[in-house]
Amino acid sequence: MAGNGKVAEEKEELKKGSLRTMPFVLASELSDRFAMAGFKANKVLYMQNELHLHLVQATNTLNFFGGTASLTPIVGGLIADSFAGRFWTIAAGSFIYLLLRLDLR
């Protein structure tokens, strides 16, 4: 049916998002959870042996760290959606990260 023009309209468009990206998101989250579990186990031992913290203090510190790490993306999303926009929020976050990295050296 070369004459009716439907062939050009039926050209398959690229799909974005949806179920095609779900395995990548799940794999990323799963690997993050495994890495964080290993990090926490080693960090508790480090805090107990090197910093001489009690088990409860070390666990509370790591739970506070995990909660803060989980909450900051939500705060960043609220700032991006309500005030600054995606680009400026990412730029400001990257700048703050850079300043903190330079201060640690």
PDB file of N, CA and C in Angstrom:
ATOM      1  N   MET A   1       0.836  -1.181   0.000  1.00  0.00           N
ATOM      2  CA  MET A   1       0.000   0.000   0.000  1.00  0.00           C
ATOM      3  C   MET A   1       0.870   1.230   0.000  1.00  0.00           C
ATOM      4  N   ALA A   2       1.494   1.436  -1.072  1.00  0.00           N
ATOM      5  CA  ALA A   2       2.444   2.522  -1.178  1.00  0.00           C
ATOM      6  C   ALA A   2       1.772   3.852  -1.405  1.00  0.00           C
ATOM      7  N   GLY A   3       0.544   3.866  -1.854  1.00  0.00           N
ATOM      8  CA  GLY A   3      -0.062   5.128  -2.220  1.00  0.00           C
ATOM      9  C   GLY A   3      -0.843   5.821  -1.124  1.00  0.00           C
ATOM     10  N   ASN A   4      -1.182   5.170  -0.030  1.00  0.00           N
ATOM     11  CA  ASN A   4      -2.052   5.818   0.948  1.00  0.00           C
ATOM     12  C   ASN A   4      -1.306   6.536   2.060  1.00  0.00           C
ATOM     13  N   GLY A   5      -0.008   6.406   2.188  1.00  0.00           N
ATOM     14  CA  GLY A   5       0.771   7.163   3.167  1.00  0.00           C
ATOM     15  C   GLY A   5       0.759   6.577   4.562  1.00  0.00           C
ATOM     16  N   LYS A   6       0.095   5.469   4.774  1.00  0.00           N
ATOM     17  CA  LYS A   6       0.043   4.886   6.110  1.00  0.00           C
ATOM     18  C   LYS A   6       1.358   4.228   6.522  1.00  0.00           C
ATOM     19  N   VAL A   7       2.157   3.847   5.556  1.00  0.00           N
ATOM     20  CA  VAL A   7       3.426   3.193   5.872  1.00  0.00           C
ATOM     21  C   VAL A   7       4.333   4.148   6.635  1.00  0.00           C
ATOM     22  N   ALA A   8       4.361   5.406   6.216  1.00  0.00           N
ATOM     23  CA  ALA A   8       5.198   6.397   6.892  1.00  0.00           C
ATOM     24  C   ALA A   8       4.681   6.681   8.295  1.00  0.00           C
ATOM     25  N   GLU A   9       3.372   6.675   8.476  1.00  0.00           N
ATOM     26  CA  GLU A   9       2.799   6.960   9.787  1.00  0.00           C
ATOM     27  C   GLU A   9       2.989   5.805  10.752  1.00  0.00           C
ATOM     28  N   GLU A  10       3.047   4.598  10.227  1.00  0.00           N
ATOM     29  CA  GLU A  10       3.157   3.434  11.085  1.00  0.00           C
ATOM     30  C   GLU A  10       4.598   3.112  11.463  1.00  0.00           C
ATOM     31  N   LYS A  11       5.508   3.996  11.110  1.00  0.00           N
ATOM     32  CA  LYS A  11       6.912   3.787  11.475  1.00  0.00           C
ATOM     33  C   LYS A  11       7.007   3.657  13.000  1.00  0.00           C
ATOM     34  N   GLU A  12       7.706   2.642  13.422  1.00  0.00           N
ATOM     35  CA  GLU A  12       7.798   2.383  14.853  1.00  0.00           C
ATOM     36  C   GLU A  12       8.598   3.486  15.543  1.00  0.00           C
ATOM     37  N   GLU A  13       7.994   4.064  16.567  1.00  0.00           N
ATOM     38  CA  GLU A  13       8.663   5.109  17.330  1.00  0.00           C
ATOM     39  C   GLU A  13       9.472   4.465  18.455  1.00  0.00           C
ATOM     40  N   LEU A  14      10.496   5.161  18.893  1.00  0.00           N
ATOM     41  CA  LEU A  14      11.301   4.677  20.009  1.00  0.00           C
ATOM     42  C   LEU A  14      10.496   4.784  21.293  1.00  0.00           C
ATOM     43  N   LYS A  15      10.481   3.714  22.055  1.00  0.00           N
ATOM     44  CA  LYS A  15       9.789   3.742  23.332  1.00  0.00           C
ATOM     45  C   LYS A  15      10.755   4.244  24.399  1.00  0.00           C
ATOM     46  N   LYS A  16      10.256   5.080  25.258  1.00  0.00           N
ATOM     47  CA  LYS A  16      11.053   5.579  26.369  1.00  0.00           C
ATOM     48  C   LYS A  16      10.355   5.196  27.659  1.00  0.00           C
ATOM     49  N   GLY A  17      11.126   4.822  28.644  1.00  0.00           N
ATOM     50  CA  GLY A  17      10.557   4.495  29.936  1.00  0.00           C
ATOM     51  C   GLY A  17       9.798   3.183  29.906  1.00  0.00           C
ATOM     52  N   SER A  18       8.768   3.100  30.716  1.00  0.00           N
ATOM     53  CA  SER A  18       7.878   1.955  30.787  1.00  0.00           C
ATOM     54  C   SER A  18       8.617   0.706  31.256  1.00  0.00           C
ATOM     55  N   LEU A  19       8.192  -0.437  30.789  1.00  0.00           N
ATOM     56  CA  LEU A  19       8.751  -1.704  31.249  1.00  0.00           C
ATOM     57  C   LEU A  19      10.120  -2.010  30.658  1.00  0.00           C
ATOM     58  N   ARG A  20      10.514  -1.315  29.624  1.00  0.00           N
ATOM     59  CA  ARG A  20      11.827  -1.574  29.020  1.00  0.00           C
ATOM     60  C   ARG A  20      12.965  -1.147  29.939  1.00  0.00           C
ATOM     61  N   THR A  21      12.748  -0.123  30.736  1.00  0.00           N
ATOM     62  CA  THR A  21      13.809   0.369  31.620  1.00  0.00           C
ATOM     63  C   THR A  21      13.742  -0.232  33.017  1.00  0.00           C
ATOM     64  N   MET A  22      12.662  -0.928  33.333  1.00  0.00           N
ATOM     65  CA  MET A  22      12.484  -1.467  34.674  1.00  0.00           C
ATOM     66  C   MET A  22      13.614  -2.405  35.111  1.00  0.00           C
ATOM     67  N   PRO A  23      14.101  -3.324  34.279  1.00  0.00           N
ATOM     68  CA  PRO A  23      15.201  -4.193  34.741  1.00  0.00           C
ATOM     69  C   PRO A  23      16.461  -3.418  35.122  1.00  0.00           C
ATOM     70  N   PHE A  24      16.736  -2.330  34.436  1.00  0.00           N
ATOM     71  CA  PHE A  24      17.922  -1.535  34.753  1.00  0.00           C
ATOM     72  C   PHE A  24      17.765  -0.819  36.093  1.00  0.00           C
ATOM     73  N   VAL A  25      16.580  -0.301  36.349  1.00  0.00           N
ATOM     74  CA  VAL A  25      16.324   0.370  37.623  1.00  0.00           C
ATOM     75  C   VAL A  25      16.386  -0.639  38.764  1.00  0.00           C
ATOM     76  N   LEU A  26      15.781  -1.799  38.573  1.00  0.00           N
ATOM     77  CA  LEU A  26      15.809  -2.828  39.613  1.00  0.00           C
ATOM     78  C   LEU A  26      17.226  -3.331  39.876  1.00  0.00           C
ATOM     79  N   ALA A  27      18.006  -3.527  38.827  1.00  0.00           N
ATOM     80  CA  ALA A  27      19.395  -3.972  38.998  1.00  0.00           C
ATOM     81  C   ALA A  27      20.213  -2.917  39.738  1.00  0.00           C
ATOM     82  N   SER A  28      19.978  -1.660  39.423  1.00  0.00           N
ATOM     83  CA  SER A  28      20.695  -0.582  40.098  1.00  0.00           C
ATOM     84  C   SER A  28      20.336  -0.530  41.579  1.00  0.00           C
ATOM     85  N   GLU A  29      19.060  -0.630  41.890  1.00  0.00           N
ATOM     86  CA  GLU A  29      18.628  -0.603  43.286  1.00  0.00           C
ATOM     87  C   GLU A  29      19.136  -1.819  44.057  1.00  0.00           C
ATOM     88  N   LEU A  30      19.095  -2.981  43.431  1.00  0.00           N
ATOM     89  CA  LEU A  30      19.558  -4.194  44.091  1.00  0.00           C
ATOM     90  C   LEU A  30      21.052  -4.123  44.396  1.00  0.00           C
ATOM     91  N   SER A  31      21.831  -3.661  43.436  1.00  0.00           N
ATOM     92  CA  SER A  31      23.271  -3.553  43.677  1.00  0.00           C
ATOM     93  C   SER A  31      23.574  -2.491  44.732  1.00  0.00           C
ATOM     94  N   ASP A  32      22.771  -1.436  44.780  1.00  0.00           N
ATOM     95  CA  ASP A  32      22.950  -0.416  45.809  1.00  0.00           C
ATOM     96  C   ASP A  32      22.663  -0.993  47.189  1.00  0.00           C
ATOM     97  N   ARG A  33      21.628  -1.806  47.298  1.00  0.00           N
ATOM     98  CA  ARG A  33      21.290  -2.421  48.592  1.00  0.00           C
ATOM     99  C   ARG A  33      22.398  -3.363  49.065  1.00  0.00           C
ATOM    100  N   PHE A  34      22.934  -4.163  48.136  1.00  0.00           N
ATOM    101  CA  PHE A  34      24.025  -5.065  48.508  1.00  0.00           C
ATOM    102  C   PHE A  34      25.257  -4.284  48.948  1.00  0.00           C
ATOM    103  N   ALA A  35      25.584  -3.234  48.227  1.00  0.00           N
ATOM    104  CA  ALA A  35      26.753  -2.428  48.583  1.00  0.00           C
ATOM    105  C   ALA A  35      26.561  -1.773  49.942  1.00  0.00           C
ATOM    106  N   MET A  36      25.355  -1.279  50.204  1.00  0.00           N
ATOM    107  CA  MET A  36      25.093  -0.611  51.473  1.00  0.00           C
ATOM    108  C   MET A  36      25.131  -1.604  52.636  1.00  0.00           C
ATOM    109  N   ALA A  37      24.664  -2.829  52.417  1.00  0.00           N
ATOM    110  CA  ALA A  37      24.716  -3.842  53.478  1.00  0.00           C
ATOM    111  C   ALA A  37      26.165  -4.164  53.843  1.00  0.00           C
ATOM    112  N   GLY A  38      27.013  -4.316  52.854  1.00  0.00           N
ATOM    113  CA  GLY A  38      28.426  -4.558  53.123  1.00  0.00           C
ATOM    114  C   GLY A  38      29.102  -3.369  53.775  1.00  0.00           C
ATOM    115  N   PHE A  39      28.726  -2.185  53.336  1.00  0.00           N
ATOM    116  CA  PHE A  39      29.285  -0.963  53.904  1.00  0.00           C
ATOM    117  C   PHE A  39      28.932  -0.842  55.378  1.00  0.00           C
ATOM    118  N   LYS A  40      27.676  -1.095  55.712  1.00  0.00           N
ATOM    119  CA  LYS A  40      27.241  -0.945  57.098  1.00  0.00           C
ATOM    120  C   LYS A  40      27.915  -1.953  58.019  1.00  0.00           C
ATOM    121  N   ALA A  41      28.050  -3.183  57.565  1.00  0.00           N
ATOM    122  CA  ALA A  41      28.689  -4.197  58.410  1.00  0.00           C
ATOM    123  C   ALA A  41      30.140  -3.820  58.707  1.00  0.00           C
ATOM    124  N   ASN A  42      30.855  -3.402  57.697  1.00  0.00           N
ATOM    125  CA  ASN A  42      32.253  -3.005  57.905  1.00  0.00           C
ATOM    126  C   ASN A  42      32.358  -1.730  58.723  1.00  0.00           C
ATOM    127  N   LYS A  43      31.441  -0.805  58.509  1.00  0.00           N
ATOM    128  CA  LYS A  43      31.506   0.471  59.217  1.00  0.00           C
ATOM    129  C   LYS A  43      31.183   0.314  60.699  1.00  0.00           C
ATOM    130  N   VAL A  44      30.284  -0.596  61.045  1.00  0.00           N
ATOM    131  CA  VAL A  44      29.994  -0.844  62.460  1.00  0.00           C
ATOM    132  C   VAL A  44      31.238  -1.378  63.160  1.00  0.00           C
ATOM    133  N   LEU A  45      31.916  -2.315  62.526  1.00  0.00           N
ATOM    134  CA  LEU A  45      33.150  -2.842  63.120  1.00  0.00           C
ATOM    135  C   LEU A  45      34.218  -1.764  63.240  1.00  0.00           C
ATOM    136  N   TYR A  46      34.323  -0.915  62.230  1.00  0.00           N
ATOM    137  CA  TYR A  46      35.303   0.172  62.284  1.00  0.00           C
ATOM    138  C   TYR A  46      34.983   1.126  63.431  1.00  0.00           C
ATOM    139  N   MET A  47      33.724   1.483  63.575  1.00  0.00           N
ATOM    140  CA  MET A  47      33.346   2.417  64.641  1.00  0.00           C
ATOM    141  C   MET A  47      33.561   1.811  66.021  1.00  0.00           C
ATOM    142  N   GLN A  48      33.357   0.520  66.140  1.00  0.00           N
ATOM    143  CA  GLN A  48      33.584  -0.129  67.429  1.00  0.00           C
ATOM    144  C   GLN A  48      35.069  -0.264  67.742  1.00  0.00           C
ATOM    145  N   ASN A  49      35.848  -0.723  66.790  1.00  0.00           N
ATOM    146  CA  ASN A  49      37.257  -1.028  67.063  1.00  0.00           C
ATOM    147  C   ASN A  49      38.163   0.193  67.011  1.00  0.00           C
ATOM    148  N   GLU A  50      37.978   1.055  66.050  1.00  0.00           N
ATOM    149  CA  GLU A  50      38.883   2.196  65.868  1.00  0.00           C
ATOM    150  C   GLU A  50      38.408   3.452  66.595  1.00  0.00           C
ATOM    151  N   LEU A  51      37.111   3.705  66.567  1.00  0.00           N
ATOM    152  CA  LEU A  51      36.577   4.908  67.206  1.00  0.00           C
ATOM    153  C   LEU A  51      36.092   4.651  68.627  1.00  0.00           C
ATOM    154  N   HIS A  52      36.088   3.388  69.034  1.00  0.00           N
ATOM    155  CA  HIS A  52      35.707   2.977  70.384  1.00  0.00           C
ATOM    156  C   HIS A  52      34.291   3.421  70.748  1.00  0.00           C
ATOM    157  N   LEU A  53      33.373   3.272  69.805  1.00  0.00           N
ATOM    158  CA  LEU A  53      31.962   3.531  70.082  1.00  0.00           C
ATOM    159  C   LEU A  53      31.296   2.232  70.505  1.00  0.00           C
ATOM    160  N   HIS A  54      30.259   2.363  71.318  1.00  0.00           N
ATOM    161  CA  HIS A  54      29.478   1.187  71.676  1.00  0.00           C
ATOM    162  C   HIS A  54      28.654   0.752  70.469  1.00  0.00           C
ATOM    163  N   LEU A  55      28.200  -0.477  70.502  1.00  0.00           N
ATOM    164  CA  LEU A  55      27.434  -1.032  69.385  1.00  0.00           C
ATOM    165  C   LEU A  55      26.189  -0.195  69.097  1.00  0.00           C
ATOM    166  N   VAL A  56      25.515   0.257  70.141  1.00  0.00           N
ATOM    167  CA  VAL A  56      24.292   1.048  69.961  1.00  0.00           C
ATOM    168  C   VAL A  56      24.609   2.384  69.299  1.00  0.00           C
ATOM    169  N   GLN A  57      25.674   3.043  69.735  1.00  0.00           N
ATOM    170  CA  GLN A  57      26.049   4.323  69.134  1.00  0.00           C
ATOM    171  C   GLN A  57      26.438   4.157  67.670  1.00  0.00           C
ATOM    172  N   ALA A  58      27.196   3.127  67.362  1.00  0.00           N
ATOM    173  CA  ALA A  58      27.613   2.891  65.977  1.00  0.00           C
ATOM    174  C   ALA A  58      26.411   2.589  65.092  1.00  0.00           C
ATOM    175  N   THR A  59      25.492   1.777  65.581  1.00  0.00           N
ATOM    176  CA  THR A  59      24.300   1.439  64.811  1.00  0.00           C
ATOM    177  C   THR A  59      23.419   2.657  64.609  1.00  0.00           C
ATOM    178  N   ASN A  60      23.236   3.456  65.653  1.00  0.00           N
ATOM    179  CA  ASN A  60      22.430   4.672  65.518  1.00  0.00           C
ATOM    180  C   ASN A  60      23.049   5.647  64.525  1.00  0.00           C
ATOM    181  N   THR A  61      24.357   5.778  64.549  1.00  0.00           N
ATOM    182  CA  THR A  61      25.033   6.669  63.610  1.00  0.00           C
ATOM    183  C   THR A  61      24.814   6.221  62.173  1.00  0.00           C
ATOM    184  N   LEU A  62      24.943   4.930  61.919  1.00  0.00           N
ATOM    185  CA  LEU A  62      24.740   4.424  60.562  1.00  0.00           C
ATOM    186  C   LEU A  62      23.282   4.495  60.133  1.00  0.00           C
ATOM    187  N   ASN A  63      22.353   4.295  61.058  1.00  0.00           N
ATOM    188  CA  ASN A  63      20.938   4.448  60.714  1.00  0.00           C
ATOM    189  C   ASN A  63      20.611   5.898  60.377  1.00  0.00           C
ATOM    190  N   PHE A  64      21.198   6.829  61.115  1.00  0.00           N
ATOM    191  CA  PHE A  64      21.004   8.241  60.811  1.00  0.00           C
ATOM    192  C   PHE A  64      21.572   8.582  59.433  1.00  0.00           C
ATOM    193  N   PHE A  65      22.748   8.035  59.134  1.00  0.00           N
ATOM    194  CA  PHE A  65      23.357   8.239  57.820  1.00  0.00           C
ATOM    195  C   PHE A  65      22.471   7.687  56.708  1.00  0.00           C
ATOM    196  N   GLY A  66      21.953   6.474  56.890  1.00  0.00           N
ATOM    197  CA  GLY A  66      21.084   5.865  55.884  1.00  0.00           C
ATOM    198  C   GLY A  66      19.791   6.636  55.697  1.00  0.00           C
ATOM    199  N   GLY A  67      19.210   7.112  56.786  1.00  0.00           N
ATOM    200  CA  GLY A  67      17.991   7.911  56.680  1.00  0.00           C
ATOM    201  C   GLY A  67      18.228   9.229  55.971  1.00  0.00           C
ATOM    202  N   THR A  68      19.333   9.867  56.276  1.00  0.00           N
ATOM    203  CA  THR A  68      19.669  11.120  55.600  1.00  0.00           C
ATOM    204  C   THR A  68      19.930  10.888  54.120  1.00  0.00           C
ATOM    205  N   ALA A  69      20.625   9.808  53.796  1.00  0.00           N
ATOM    206  CA  ALA A  69      20.904   9.487  52.397  1.00  0.00           C
ATOM    207  C   ALA A  69      19.623   9.168  51.631  1.00  0.00           C
ATOM    208  N   SER A  70      18.632   8.615  52.304  1.00  0.00           N
ATOM    209  CA  SER A  70      17.359   8.317  51.645  1.00  0.00           C
ATOM    210  C   SER A  70      16.469   9.546  51.531  1.00  0.00           C
ATOM    211  N   LEU A  71      16.637  10.504  52.419  1.00  0.00           N
ATOM    212  CA  LEU A  71      15.768  11.679  52.438  1.00  0.00           C
ATOM    213  C   LEU A  71      16.239  12.782  51.498  1.00  0.00           C
ATOM    214  N   THR A  72      17.532  12.914  51.284  1.00  0.00           N
ATOM    215  CA  THR A  72      18.028  14.023  50.471  1.00  0.00           C
ATOM    216  C   THR A  72      17.546  14.009  49.023  1.00  0.00           C
ATOM    217  N   PRO A  73      17.350  12.868  48.357  1.00  0.00           N
ATOM    218  CA  PRO A  73      16.789  12.937  46.998  1.00  0.00           C
ATOM    219  C   PRO A  73      15.366  13.486  46.967  1.00  0.00           C
ATOM    220  N   ILE A  74      14.596  13.212  48.013  1.00  0.00           N
ATOM    221  CA  ILE A  74      13.235  13.748  48.072  1.00  0.00           C
ATOM    222  C   ILE A  74      13.279  15.259  48.235  1.00  0.00           C
ATOM    223  N   VAL A  75      14.153  15.739  49.100  1.00  0.00           N
ATOM    224  CA  VAL A  75      14.299  17.189  49.287  1.00  0.00           C
ATOM    225  C   VAL A  75      14.781  17.841  47.996  1.00  0.00           C
ATOM    226  N   GLY A  76      15.752  17.229  47.324  1.00  0.00           N
ATOM    227  CA  GLY A  76      16.230  17.757  46.046  1.00  0.00           C
ATOM    228  C   GLY A  76      15.140  17.783  44.993  1.00  0.00           C
ATOM    229  N   GLY A  77      14.304  16.751  44.959  1.00  0.00           N
ATOM    230  CA  GLY A  77      13.191  16.722  44.014  1.00  0.00           C
ATOM    231  C   GLY A  77      12.170  17.806  44.297  1.00  0.00           C
ATOM    232  N   LEU A  78      11.884  18.049  45.566  1.00  0.00           N
ATOM    233  CA  LEU A  78      10.952  19.126  45.918  1.00  0.00           C
ATOM    234  C   LEU A  78      11.502  20.491  45.522  1.00  0.00           C
ATOM    235  N   ILE A  79      12.778  20.704  45.759  1.00  0.00           N
ATOM    236  CA  ILE A  79      13.395  21.976  45.369  1.00  0.00           C
ATOM    237  C   ILE A  79      13.369  22.134  43.861  1.00  0.00           C
ATOM    238  N   ALA A  80      13.693  21.070  43.139  1.00  0.00           N
ATOM    239  CA  ALA A  80      13.718  21.141  41.672  1.00  0.00           C
ATOM    240  C   ALA A  80      12.328  21.392  41.106  1.00  0.00           C
ATOM    241  N   ASP A  81      11.331  20.703  41.628  1.00  0.00           N
ATOM    242  CA  ASP A  81       9.976  20.849  41.096  1.00  0.00           C
ATOM    243  C   ASP A  81       9.322  22.157  41.503  1.00  0.00           C
ATOM    244  N   SER A  82       9.632  22.654  42.690  1.00  0.00           N
ATOM    245  CA  SER A  82       8.932  23.832  43.202  1.00  0.00           C
ATOM    246  C   SER A  82       9.619  25.147  42.873  1.00  0.00           C
ATOM    247  N   PHE A  83      10.940  25.169  42.892  1.00  0.00           N
ATOM    248  CA  PHE A  83      11.627  26.450  42.811  1.00  0.00           C
ATOM    249  C   PHE A  83      12.624  26.552  41.662  1.00  0.00           C
ATOM    250  N   ALA A  84      13.659  25.755  41.713  1.00  0.00           N
ATOM    251  CA  ALA A  84      14.843  26.025  40.903  1.00  0.00           C
ATOM    252  C   ALA A  84      14.825  25.400  39.517  1.00  0.00           C
ATOM    253  N   GLY A  85      14.165  24.295  39.348  1.00  0.00           N
ATOM    254  CA  GLY A  85      14.243  23.590  38.077  1.00  0.00           C
ATOM    255  C   GLY A  85      15.315  22.521  38.124  1.00  0.00           C
ATOM    256  N   ARG A  86      15.233  21.594  37.188  1.00  0.00           N
ATOM    257  CA  ARG A  86      16.119  20.434  37.199  1.00  0.00           C
ATOM    258  C   ARG A  86      17.587  20.821  37.019  1.00  0.00           C
ATOM    259  N   PHE A  87      17.882  21.658  36.038  1.00  0.00           N
ATOM    260  CA  PHE A  87      19.277  21.988  35.737  1.00  0.00           C
ATOM    261  C   PHE A  87      19.952  22.687  36.908  1.00  0.00           C
ATOM    262  N   TRP A  88      19.317  23.716  37.465  1.00  0.00           N
ATOM    263  CA  TRP A  88      19.957  24.489  38.525  1.00  0.00           C
ATOM    264  C   TRP A  88      20.070  23.694  39.823  1.00  0.00           C
ATOM    265  N   THR A  89      19.136  22.787  40.066  1.00  0.00           N
ATOM    266  CA  THR A  89      19.243  21.938  41.252  1.00  0.00           C
ATOM    267  C   THR A  89      20.422  20.983  41.128  1.00  0.00           C
ATOM    268  N   ILE A  90      20.585  20.383  39.949  1.00  0.00           N
ATOM    269  CA  ILE A  90      21.728  19.490  39.730  1.00  0.00           C
ATOM    270  C   ILE A  90      23.037  20.275  39.789  1.00  0.00           C
ATOM    271  N   ALA A  91      23.050  21.475  39.208  1.00  0.00           N
ATOM    272  CA  ALA A  91      24.262  22.298  39.230  1.00  0.00           C
ATOM    273  C   ALA A  91      24.630  22.692  40.661  1.00  0.00           C
ATOM    274  N   ALA A  92      23.641  23.110  41.456  1.00  0.00           N
ATOM    275  CA  ALA A  92      23.913  23.506  42.839  1.00  0.00           C
ATOM    276  C   ALA A  92      24.363  22.306  43.670  1.00  0.00           C
ATOM    277  N   GLY A  93      23.717  21.169  43.501  1.00  0.00           N
ATOM    278  CA  GLY A  93      24.120  19.964  44.223  1.00  0.00           C
ATOM    279  C   GLY A  93      25.523  19.521  43.863  1.00  0.00           C
ATOM    280  N   SER A  94      25.865  19.613  42.591  1.00  0.00           N
ATOM    281  CA  SER A  94      27.213  19.244  42.158  1.00  0.00           C
ATOM    282  C   SER A  94      28.254  20.201  42.720  1.00  0.00           C
ATOM    283  N   PHE A  95      27.918  21.481  42.777  1.00  0.00           N
ATOM    284  CA  PHE A  95      28.843  22.473  43.326  1.00  0.00           C
ATOM    285  C   PHE A  95      29.068  22.237  44.821  1.00  0.00           C
ATOM    286  N   ILE A  96      28.003  21.961  45.557  1.00  0.00           N
ATOM    287  CA  ILE A  96      28.132  21.677  46.989  1.00  0.00           C
ATOM    288  C   ILE A  96      28.966  20.414  47.202  1.00  0.00           C
ATOM    289  N   TYR A  97      28.720  19.400  46.390  1.00  0.00           N
ATOM    290  CA  TYR A  97      29.499  18.160  46.476  1.00  0.00           C
ATOM    291  C   TYR A  97      30.978  18.438  46.216  1.00  0.00           C
ATOM    292  N   LEU A  98      31.269  19.256  45.214  1.00  0.00           N
ATOM    293  CA  LEU A  98      32.653  19.594  44.898  1.00  0.00           C
ATOM    294  C   LEU A  98      33.313  20.334  46.052  1.00  0.00           C
ATOM    295  N   LEU A  99      32.610  21.291  46.651  1.00  0.00           N
ATOM    296  CA  LEU A  99      33.173  22.017  47.789  1.00  0.00           C
ATOM    297  C   LEU A  99      33.464  21.085  48.962  1.00  0.00           C
ATOM    298  N   LEU A 100      32.557  20.163  49.233  1.00  0.00           N
ATOM    299  CA  LEU A 100      32.779  19.227  50.330  1.00  0.00           C
ATOM    300  C   LEU A 100      33.939  18.284  50.035  1.00  0.00           C
ATOM    301  N   ARG A 101      34.084  17.872  48.795  1.00  0.00           N
ATOM    302  CA  ARG A 101      35.197  16.996  48.428  1.00  0.00           C
ATOM    303  C   ARG A 101      36.532  17.734  48.555  1.00  0.00           C
ATOM    304  N   LEU A 102      36.569  19.004  48.182  1.00  0.00           N
ATOM    305  CA  LEU A 102      37.808  19.770  48.293  1.00  0.00           C
ATOM    306  C   LEU A 102      38.176  20.013  49.748  1.00  0.00           C
ATOM    307  N   ASP A 103      37.161  20.159  50.605  1.00  0.00           N
ATOM    308  CA  ASP A 103      37.403  20.409  52.015  1.00  0.00           C
ATOM    309  C   ASP A 103      37.955  19.170  52.718  1.00  0.00           C
ATOM    310  N   LEU A 104      37.618  17.996  52.234  1.00  0.00           N
ATOM    311  CA  LEU A 104      38.063  16.762  52.879  1.00  0.00           C
ATOM    312  C   LEU A 104      39.519  16.434  52.596  1.00  0.00           C
ATOM    313  N   ARG A 105      40.106  17.058  51.619  1.00  0.00           N
ATOM    314  CA  ARG A 105      41.500  16.746  51.272  1.00  0.00           C
ATOM    315  C   ARG A 105      42.462  17.447  52.134  1.00  0.00           C
TER     316      ARG A 105
END
